[in-house]
Structure formats: C-alpha cells, structure tokens
Amino acid sequence: MGGLHGFMSWNRSILTDSGGFQVFSLNELRKVSEGGVTFRSHLDGSSHFFSPESAMAAQIGWAADIIMALTSAPSIRRSGNGSATRWR
C-alpha cells in the first residue's frame, strides 16, 4: 500500500476533496481568478494557488480512489467578471 492508503494503513476506498468548500467558506482569505483560486494562509499570510488541474494532480499523487473536482460555488461564479465559470 502506498499513498494515503499506506499512510493511513487503510486498504479500503478513500475519497479526497478538492478544496471547493474552502473556496466558498474562506471568502476573506481567497481570490478567484480565471485559472483557479489563490488562498492566503491564516497562519503566516503566505499565498497558495490551486487550479482544477493542480487539485486533481495532488489527489492522484495521493493515490486516492475517489477524487472530487475543484469547482466554485454558484455565489462565487456570479461575482466579479464571471471568469471562474469556465473552470467549474
């Protein structure tokens, strides 16, 4: 067993989340753009960018069995210039 399965010593299916809920819930700490979302760490203020592709790559790298795609909530898609609608 490798990836999350080895780390957790778990031989059953593992579902991972892309962080889409955090895009919605961390409104003060995120900026949605054409390519994805940038979060500012609440611990040290550092920036972290996630695109739909990088969220998938991370979950694949963890050897997850069920992978959730990074999407944005409807209230976010309607805000700003609407660019996030292209990566939902």
PDB file of N, CA and C in Angstrom:
ATOM      1  N   MET A   1       0.840  -1.186   0.000  1.00  0.00           N
ATOM      2  CA  MET A   1       0.000   0.000   0.000  1.00  0.00           C
ATOM      3  C   MET A   1       0.884   1.247   0.000  1.00  0.00           C
ATOM      4  N   GLY A   2       0.540   2.169  -0.890  1.00  0.00           N
ATOM      5  CA  GLY A   2       1.259   3.432  -0.958  1.00  0.00           C
ATOM      6  C   GLY A   2       0.307   4.591  -0.791  1.00  0.00           C
ATOM      7  N   GLY A   3       0.808   5.799  -0.954  1.00  0.00           N
ATOM      8  CA  GLY A   3      -0.020   6.994  -0.880  1.00  0.00           C
ATOM      9  C   GLY A   3      -0.772   7.085   0.433  1.00  0.00           C
ATOM     10  N   LEU A   4      -1.991   7.577   0.369  1.00  0.00           N
ATOM     11  CA  LEU A   4      -2.810   7.708   1.570  1.00  0.00           C
ATOM     12  C   LEU A   4      -3.106   6.359   2.209  1.00  0.00           C
ATOM     13  N   HIS A   5      -3.273   5.329   1.383  1.00  0.00           N
ATOM     14  CA  HIS A   5      -3.571   4.003   1.927  1.00  0.00           C
ATOM     15  C   HIS A   5      -2.462   3.535   2.868  1.00  0.00           C
ATOM     16  N   GLY A   6      -1.217   3.698   2.454  1.00  0.00           N
ATOM     17  CA  GLY A   6      -0.094   3.316   3.307  1.00  0.00           C
ATOM     18  C   GLY A   6       0.018   4.208   4.529  1.00  0.00           C
ATOM     19  N   PHE A   7      -0.146   5.517   4.332  1.00  0.00           N
ATOM     20  CA  PHE A   7      -0.059   6.468   5.428  1.00  0.00           C
ATOM     21  C   PHE A   7      -1.087   6.163   6.511  1.00  0.00           C
ATOM     22  N   MET A   8      -2.301   5.793   6.059  1.00  0.00           N
ATOM     23  CA  MET A   8      -3.401   5.533   6.995  1.00  0.00           C
ATOM     24  C   MET A   8      -3.528   4.063   7.383  1.00  0.00           C
ATOM     25  N   SER A   9      -2.743   3.193   6.731  1.00  0.00           N
ATOM     26  CA  SER A   9      -2.894   1.738   6.923  1.00  0.00           C
ATOM     27  C   SER A   9      -4.349   1.334   6.685  1.00  0.00           C
ATOM     28  N   TRP A  10      -4.877   1.784   5.551  1.00  0.00           N
ATOM     29  CA  TRP A  10      -6.294   1.580   5.214  1.00  0.00           C
ATOM     30  C   TRP A  10      -6.364   0.942   3.834  1.00  0.00           C
ATOM     31  N   ASN A  11      -6.936  -0.264   3.744  1.00  0.00           N
ATOM     32  CA  ASN A  11      -6.977  -0.958   2.451  1.00  0.00           C
ATOM     33  C   ASN A  11      -8.339  -0.870   1.768  1.00  0.00           C
ATOM     34  N   ARG A  12      -9.171   0.032   2.203  1.00  0.00           N
ATOM     35  CA  ARG A  12     -10.466   0.259   1.565  1.00  0.00           C
ATOM     36  C   ARG A  12     -10.407   1.567   0.767  1.00  0.00           C
ATOM     37  N   SER A  13     -11.498   1.897   0.130  1.00  0.00           N
ATOM     38  CA  SER A  13     -11.541   3.101  -0.710  1.00  0.00           C
ATOM     39  C   SER A  13     -11.375   4.373   0.113  1.00  0.00           C
ATOM     40  N   ILE A  14     -10.700   5.348  -0.500  1.00  0.00           N
ATOM     41  CA  ILE A  14     -10.516   6.666   0.122  1.00  0.00           C
ATOM     42  C   ILE A  14     -11.014   7.725  -0.855  1.00  0.00           C
ATOM     43  N   LEU A  15     -11.871   8.616  -0.353  1.00  0.00           N
ATOM     44  CA  LEU A  15     -12.372   9.750  -1.117  1.00  0.00           C
ATOM     45  C   LEU A  15     -11.618  10.995  -0.653  1.00  0.00           C
ATOM     46  N   THR A  16     -11.117  11.766  -1.600  1.00  0.00           N
ATOM     47  CA  THR A  16     -10.458  13.032  -1.263  1.00  0.00           C
ATOM     48  C   THR A  16     -11.266  14.189  -1.831  1.00  0.00           C
ATOM     49  N   ASP A  17     -11.144  15.323  -1.171  1.00  0.00           N
ATOM     50  CA  ASP A  17     -11.866  16.527  -1.587  1.00  0.00           C
ATOM     51  C   ASP A  17     -10.891  17.514  -2.203  1.00  0.00           C
ATOM     52  N   SER A  18     -11.365  18.283  -3.153  1.00  0.00           N
ATOM     53  CA  SER A  18     -10.526  19.216  -3.897  1.00  0.00           C
ATOM     54  C   SER A  18     -10.269  20.531  -3.182  1.00  0.00           C
ATOM     55  N   GLY A  19     -11.087  20.860  -2.214  1.00  0.00           N
ATOM     56  CA  GLY A  19     -10.994  22.156  -1.553  1.00  0.00           C
ATOM     57  C   GLY A  19     -12.063  23.127  -2.012  1.00  0.00           C
ATOM     58  N   GLY A  20     -13.019  22.659  -2.788  1.00  0.00           N
ATOM     59  CA  GLY A  20     -14.083  23.532  -3.288  1.00  0.00           C
ATOM     60  C   GLY A  20     -14.883  24.207  -2.188  1.00  0.00           C
ATOM     61  N   PHE A  21     -15.121  23.513  -1.085  1.00  0.00           N
ATOM     62  CA  PHE A  21     -15.863  24.140   0.013  1.00  0.00           C
ATOM     63  C   PHE A  21     -15.059  25.285   0.609  1.00  0.00           C
ATOM     64  N   GLN A  22     -13.732  25.111   0.682  1.00  0.00           N
ATOM     65  CA  GLN A  22     -12.885  26.173   1.218  1.00  0.00           C
ATOM     66  C   GLN A  22     -12.908  27.407   0.308  1.00  0.00           C
ATOM     67  N   VAL A  23     -13.058  27.198  -0.988  1.00  0.00           N
ATOM     68  CA  VAL A  23     -13.197  28.335  -1.913  1.00  0.00           C
ATOM     69  C   VAL A  23     -14.417  29.158  -1.509  1.00  0.00           C
ATOM     70  N   PHE A  24     -15.465  28.477  -1.109  1.00  0.00           N
ATOM     71  CA  PHE A  24     -16.696  29.145  -0.696  1.00  0.00           C
ATOM     72  C   PHE A  24     -16.575  29.737   0.711  1.00  0.00           C
ATOM     73  N   SER A  25     -16.071  28.944   1.660  1.00  0.00           N
ATOM     74  CA  SER A  25     -16.130  29.332   3.068  1.00  0.00           C
ATOM     75  C   SER A  25     -15.029  30.285   3.518  1.00  0.00           C
ATOM     76  N   LEU A  26     -13.904  30.318   2.821  1.00  0.00           N
ATOM     77  CA  LEU A  26     -12.795  31.189   3.228  1.00  0.00           C
ATOM     78  C   LEU A  26     -12.758  32.461   2.389  1.00  0.00           C
ATOM     79  N   ASN A  27     -13.890  33.092   2.260  1.00  0.00           N
ATOM     80  CA  ASN A  27     -14.053  34.270   1.414  1.00  0.00           C
ATOM     81  C   ASN A  27     -12.994  35.341   1.686  1.00  0.00           C
ATOM     82  N   GLU A  28     -12.667  35.581   2.950  1.00  0.00           N
ATOM     83  CA  GLU A  28     -11.715  36.639   3.294  1.00  0.00           C
ATOM     84  C   GLU A  28     -10.283  36.264   2.930  1.00  0.00           C
ATOM     85  N   LEU A  29     -10.014  34.981   2.719  1.00  0.00           N
ATOM     86  CA  LEU A  29      -8.649  34.503   2.508  1.00  0.00           C
ATOM     87  C   LEU A  29      -8.393  34.023   1.087  1.00  0.00           C
ATOM     88  N   ARG A  30      -9.326  34.265   0.167  1.00  0.00           N
ATOM     89  CA  ARG A  30      -9.149  33.734  -1.186  1.00  0.00           C
ATOM     90  C   ARG A  30      -9.454  34.756  -2.254  1.00  0.00           C
ATOM     91  N   LYS A  31      -8.842  34.514  -3.418  1.00  0.00           N
ATOM     92  CA  LYS A  31      -9.127  35.323  -4.600  1.00  0.00           C
ATOM     93  C   LYS A  31      -9.313  34.364  -5.772  1.00  0.00           C
ATOM     94  N   VAL A  32     -10.493  34.395  -6.373  1.00  0.00           N
ATOM     95  CA  VAL A  32     -10.816  33.535  -7.508  1.00  0.00           C
ATOM     96  C   VAL A  32     -10.388  34.241  -8.787  1.00  0.00           C
ATOM     97  N   SER A  33      -9.750  33.503  -9.685  1.00  0.00           N
ATOM     98  CA  SER A  33      -9.297  34.064 -10.959  1.00  0.00           C
ATOM     99  C   SER A  33      -9.656  33.110 -12.094  1.00  0.00           C
ATOM    100  N   GLU A  34      -9.298  33.501 -13.299  1.00  0.00           N
ATOM    101  CA  GLU A  34      -9.544  32.680 -14.479  1.00  0.00           C
ATOM    102  C   GLU A  34      -8.948  31.275 -14.327  1.00  0.00           C
ATOM    103  N   GLY A  35      -7.768  31.187 -13.741  1.00  0.00           N
ATOM    104  CA  GLY A  35      -7.069  29.904 -13.673  1.00  0.00           C
ATOM    105  C   GLY A  35      -7.340  29.068 -12.454  1.00  0.00           C
ATOM    106  N   GLY A  36      -7.949  29.632 -11.419  1.00  0.00           N
ATOM    107  CA  GLY A  36      -8.190  28.878 -10.196  1.00  0.00           C
ATOM    108  C   GLY A  36      -8.414  29.799  -9.020  1.00  0.00           C
ATOM    109  N   VAL A  37      -7.828  29.445  -7.894  1.00  0.00           N
ATOM    110  CA  VAL A  37      -8.031  30.223  -6.672  1.00  0.00           C
ATOM    111  C   VAL A  37      -6.707  30.333  -5.919  1.00  0.00           C
ATOM    112  N   THR A  38      -6.465  31.513  -5.360  1.00  0.00           N
ATOM    113  CA  THR A  38      -5.303  31.735  -4.515  1.00  0.00           C
ATOM    114  C   THR A  38      -5.790  31.955  -3.096  1.00  0.00           C
ATOM    115  N   PHE A  39      -5.236  31.166  -2.164  1.00  0.00           N
ATOM    116  CA  PHE A  39      -5.555  31.308  -0.755  1.00  0.00           C
ATOM    117  C   PHE A  39      -4.400  31.981  -0.041  1.00  0.00           C
ATOM    118  N   ARG A  40      -4.725  32.796   0.952  1.00  0.00           N
ATOM    119  CA  ARG A  40      -3.725  33.369   1.843  1.00  0.00           C
ATOM    120  C   ARG A  40      -3.806  32.590   3.144  1.00  0.00           C
ATOM    121  N   SER A  41      -2.678  32.067   3.604  1.00  0.00           N
ATOM    122  CA  SER A  41      -2.634  31.281   4.830  1.00  0.00           C
ATOM    123  C   SER A  41      -3.053  32.125   6.028  1.00  0.00           C
ATOM    124  N   HIS A  42      -3.921  31.560   6.863  1.00  0.00           N
ATOM    125  CA  HIS A  42      -4.314  32.245   8.093  1.00  0.00           C
ATOM    126  C   HIS A  42      -3.211  32.163   9.143  1.00  0.00           C
ATOM    127  N   LEU A  43      -2.202  31.319   8.905  1.00  0.00           N
ATOM    128  CA  LEU A  43      -1.110  31.165   9.859  1.00  0.00           C
ATOM    129  C   LEU A  43       0.030  32.147   9.632  1.00  0.00           C
ATOM    130  N   ASP A  44       0.493  32.243   8.357  1.00  0.00           N
ATOM    131  CA  ASP A  44       1.652  33.092   8.090  1.00  0.00           C
ATOM    132  C   ASP A  44       1.463  34.069   6.928  1.00  0.00           C
ATOM    133  N   GLY A  45       0.271  34.097   6.334  1.00  0.00           N
ATOM    134  CA  GLY A  45      -0.013  35.027   5.252  1.00  0.00           C
ATOM    135  C   GLY A  45       0.530  34.628   3.894  1.00  0.00           C
ATOM    136  N   SER A  46       1.179  33.459   3.793  1.00  0.00           N
ATOM    137  CA  SER A  46       1.726  33.012   2.513  1.00  0.00           C
ATOM    138  C   SER A  46       0.600  32.679   1.539  1.00  0.00           C
ATOM    139  N   SER A  47       0.895  32.815   0.243  1.00  0.00           N
ATOM    140  CA  SER A  47      -0.098  32.551  -0.806  1.00  0.00           C
ATOM    141  C   SER A  47       0.072  31.146  -1.361  1.00  0.00           C
ATOM    142  N   HIS A  48      -1.062  30.519  -1.685  1.00  0.00           N
ATOM    143  CA  HIS A  48      -1.084  29.171  -2.252  1.00  0.00           C
ATOM    144  C   HIS A  48      -2.111  29.142  -3.374  1.00  0.00           C
ATOM    145  N   PHE A  49      -1.669  28.823  -4.587  1.00  0.00           N
ATOM    146  CA  PHE A  49      -2.551  28.803  -5.757  1.00  0.00           C
ATOM    147  C   PHE A  49      -2.975  27.374  -6.068  1.00  0.00           C
ATOM    148  N   PHE A  50      -4.264  27.187  -6.346  1.00  0.00           N
ATOM    149  CA  PHE A  50      -4.810  25.893  -6.745  1.00  0.00           C
ATOM    150  C   PHE A  50      -5.644  26.074  -8.001  1.00  0.00           C
ATOM    151  N   SER A  51      -5.352  25.294  -9.005  1.00  0.00           N
ATOM    152  CA  SER A  51      -6.161  25.248 -10.222  1.00  0.00           C
ATOM    153  C   SER A  51      -6.924  23.927 -10.205  1.00  0.00           C
ATOM    154  N   PRO A  52      -7.935  23.772 -11.041  1.00  0.00           N
ATOM    155  CA  PRO A  52      -8.598  22.474 -11.131  1.00  0.00           C
ATOM    156  C   PRO A  52      -7.592  21.362 -11.438  1.00  0.00           C
ATOM    157  N   GLU A  53      -6.632  21.665 -12.302  1.00  0.00           N
ATOM    158  CA  GLU A  53      -5.638  20.655 -12.685  1.00  0.00           C
ATOM    159  C   GLU A  53      -4.707  20.298 -11.528  1.00  0.00           C
ATOM    160  N   SER A  54      -4.265  21.299 -10.772  1.00  0.00           N
ATOM    161  CA  SER A  54      -3.349  21.003  -9.664  1.00  0.00           C
ATOM    162  C   SER A  54      -4.070  20.279  -8.526  1.00  0.00           C
ATOM    163  N   ALA A  55      -5.352  20.580  -8.316  1.00  0.00           N
ATOM    164  CA  ALA A  55      -6.123  19.868  -7.297  1.00  0.00           C
ATOM    165  C   ALA A  55      -6.271  18.397  -7.678  1.00  0.00           C
ATOM    166  N   MET A  56      -6.525  18.127  -8.953  1.00  0.00           N
ATOM    167  CA  MET A  56      -6.618  16.741  -9.421  1.00  0.00           C
ATOM    168  C   MET A  56      -5.271  16.037  -9.316  1.00  0.00           C
ATOM    169  N   ALA A  57      -4.191  16.721  -9.726  1.00  0.00           N
ATOM    170  CA  ALA A  57      -2.851  16.127  -9.683  1.00  0.00           C
ATOM    171  C   ALA A  57      -2.465  15.750  -8.253  1.00  0.00           C
ATOM    172  N   ALA A  58      -2.794  16.610  -7.300  1.00  0.00           N
ATOM    173  CA  ALA A  58      -2.480  16.304  -5.901  1.00  0.00           C
ATOM    174  C   ALA A  58      -3.217  15.056  -5.447  1.00  0.00           C
ATOM    175  N   GLN A  59      -4.498  14.972  -5.753  1.00  0.00           N
ATOM    176  CA  GLN A  59      -5.292  13.823  -5.327  1.00  0.00           C
ATOM    177  C   GLN A  59      -4.835  12.536  -6.012  1.00  0.00           C
ATOM    178  N   ILE A  60      -4.453  12.636  -7.271  1.00  0.00           N
ATOM    179  CA  ILE A  60      -3.917  11.474  -7.978  1.00  0.00           C
ATOM    180  C   ILE A  60      -2.595  11.057  -7.331  1.00  0.00           C
ATOM    181  N   GLY A  61      -1.762  12.046  -6.997  1.00  0.00           N
ATOM    182  CA  GLY A  61      -0.487  11.768  -6.337  1.00  0.00           C
ATOM    183  C   GLY A  61      -0.648  11.091  -4.991  1.00  0.00           C
ATOM    184  N   TRP A  62      -1.743  11.362  -4.314  1.00  0.00           N
ATOM    185  CA  TRP A  62      -2.019  10.719  -3.031  1.00  0.00           C
ATOM    186  C   TRP A  62      -2.588   9.319  -3.202  1.00  0.00           C
ATOM    187  N   ALA A  63      -2.815   8.909  -4.454  1.00  0.00           N
ATOM    188  CA  ALA A  63      -3.396   7.587  -4.790  1.00  0.00           C
ATOM    189  C   ALA A  63      -4.804   7.425  -4.227  1.00  0.00           C
ATOM    190  N   ALA A  64      -5.593   8.497  -4.300  1.00  0.00           N
ATOM    191  CA  ALA A  64      -6.989   8.431  -3.856  1.00  0.00           C
ATOM    192  C   ALA A  64      -7.785   7.565  -4.825  1.00  0.00           C
ATOM    193  N   ASP A  65      -8.830   6.943  -4.311  1.00  0.00           N
ATOM    194  CA  ASP A  65      -9.693   6.098  -5.145  1.00  0.00           C
ATOM    195  C   ASP A  65     -10.838   6.892  -5.764  1.00  0.00           C
ATOM    196  N   ILE A  66     -11.376   7.832  -5.022  1.00  0.00           N
ATOM    197  CA  ILE A  66     -12.482   8.666  -5.480  1.00  0.00           C
ATOM    198  C   ILE A  66     -12.026  10.114  -5.333  1.00  0.00           C
ATOM    199  N   ILE A  67     -11.985  10.839  -6.446  1.00  0.00           N
ATOM    200  CA  ILE A  67     -11.413  12.178  -6.483  1.00  0.00           C
ATOM    201  C   ILE A  67     -12.494  13.192  -6.830  1.00  0.00           C
ATOM    202  N   MET A  68     -12.574  14.266  -6.044  1.00  0.00           N
ATOM    203  CA  MET A  68     -13.524  15.332  -6.303  1.00  0.00           C
ATOM    204  C   MET A  68     -12.846  16.435  -7.110  1.00  0.00           C
ATOM    205  N   ALA A  69     -13.533  16.933  -8.102  1.00  0.00           N
ATOM    206  CA  ALA A  69     -13.004  18.018  -8.935  1.00  0.00           C
ATOM    207  C   ALA A  69     -13.165  19.352  -8.217  1.00  0.00           C
ATOM    208  N   LEU A  70     -12.233  20.267  -8.446  1.00  0.00           N
ATOM    209  CA  LEU A  70     -12.316  21.611  -7.876  1.00  0.00           C
ATOM    210  C   LEU A  70     -13.335  22.419  -8.666  1.00  0.00           C
ATOM    211  N   THR A  71     -14.349  22.877  -7.966  1.00  0.00           N
ATOM    212  CA  THR A  71     -15.379  23.720  -8.566  1.00  0.00           C
ATOM    213  C   THR A  71     -15.612  24.906  -7.648  1.00  0.00           C
ATOM    214  N   SER A  72     -16.341  25.876  -8.123  1.00  0.00           N
ATOM    215  CA  SER A  72     -16.681  27.014  -7.272  1.00  0.00           C
ATOM    216  C   SER A  72     -18.177  27.035  -7.034  1.00  0.00           C
ATOM    217  N   ALA A  73     -18.551  27.617  -5.910  1.00  0.00           N
ATOM    218  CA  ALA A  73     -19.964  27.703  -5.545  1.00  0.00           C
ATOM    219  C   ALA A  73     -20.682  28.703  -6.443  1.00  0.00           C
ATOM    220  N   PRO A  74     -21.988  28.526  -6.660  1.00  0.00           N
ATOM    221  CA  PRO A  74     -22.741  29.442  -7.528  1.00  0.00           C
ATOM    222  C   PRO A  74     -22.601  30.905  -7.143  1.00  0.00           C
ATOM    223  N   SER A  75     -22.553  31.237  -5.844  1.00  0.00           N
ATOM    224  CA  SER A  75     -22.445  32.643  -5.453  1.00  0.00           C
ATOM    225  C   SER A  75     -21.108  33.227  -5.881  1.00  0.00           C
ATOM    226  N   ILE A  76     -20.073  32.421  -5.933  1.00  0.00           N
ATOM    227  CA  ILE A  76     -18.759  32.891  -6.381  1.00  0.00           C
ATOM    228  C   ILE A  76     -18.757  33.052  -7.892  1.00  0.00           C
ATOM    229  N   ARG A  77     -19.367  32.109  -8.603  1.00  0.00           N
ATOM    230  CA  ARG A  77     -19.384  32.172 -10.062  1.00  0.00           C
ATOM    231  C   ARG A  77     -20.111  33.404 -10.572  1.00  0.00           C
ATOM    232  N   ARG A  78     -21.091  33.885  -9.826  1.00  0.00           N
ATOM    233  CA  ARG A  78     -21.837  35.062 -10.263  1.00  0.00           C
ATOM    234  C   ARG A  78     -21.112  36.363  -9.947  1.00  0.00           C
ATOM    235  N   SER A  79     -20.136  36.306  -9.059  1.00  0.00           N
ATOM    236  CA  SER A  79     -19.462  37.540  -8.655  1.00  0.00           C
ATOM    237  C   SER A  79     -18.349  37.911  -9.629  1.00  0.00           C
ATOM    238  N   GLY A  80     -17.903  39.140  -9.538  1.00  0.00           N
ATOM    239  CA  GLY A  80     -16.774  39.594 -10.361  1.00  0.00           C
ATOM    240  C   GLY A  80     -17.096  39.550 -11.835  1.00  0.00           C
ATOM    241  N   ASN A  81     -16.099  39.176 -12.632  1.00  0.00           N
ATOM    242  CA  ASN A  81     -16.275  39.172 -14.089  1.00  0.00           C
ATOM    243  C   ASN A  81     -16.767  37.832 -14.625  1.00  0.00           C
ATOM    244  N   GLY A  82     -17.058  36.869 -13.739  1.00  0.00           N
ATOM    245  CA  GLY A  82     -17.593  35.582 -14.177  1.00  0.00           C
ATOM    246  C   GLY A  82     -16.550  34.635 -14.718  1.00  0.00           C
ATOM    247  N   SER A  83     -15.262  34.958 -14.581  1.00  0.00           N
ATOM    248  CA  SER A  83     -14.220  34.116 -15.166  1.00  0.00           C
ATOM    249  C   SER A  83     -14.180  32.725 -14.552  1.00  0.00           C
ATOM    250  N   ALA A  84     -14.567  32.597 -13.290  1.00  0.00           N
ATOM    251  CA  ALA A  84     -14.493  31.285 -12.632  1.00  0.00           C
ATOM    252  C   ALA A  84     -15.479  30.293 -13.234  1.00  0.00           C
ATOM    253  N   THR A  85     -16.471  30.758 -13.966  1.00  0.00           N
ATOM    254  CA  THR A  85     -17.447  29.832 -14.530  1.00  0.00           C
ATOM    255  C   THR A  85     -16.788  28.880 -15.519  1.00  0.00           C
ATOM    256  N   ARG A  86     -15.651  29.258 -16.091  1.00  0.00           N
ATOM    257  CA  ARG A  86     -15.008  28.391 -17.073  1.00  0.00           C
ATOM    258  C   ARG A  86     -14.252  27.220 -16.454  1.00  0.00           C
ATOM    259  N   TRP A  87     -14.027  27.228 -15.150  1.00  0.00           N
ATOM    260  CA  TRP A  87     -13.341  26.097 -14.536  1.00  0.00           C
ATOM    261  C   TRP A  87     -14.196  25.339 -13.529  1.00  0.00           C
ATOM    262  N   ARG A  88     -15.499  25.531 -13.587  1.00  0.00           N
ATOM    263  CA  ARG A  88     -16.358  24.820 -12.645  1.00  0.00           C
ATOM    264  C   ARG A  88     -16.573  23.404 -13.009  1.00  0.00           C
TER     265      ARG A  88
END
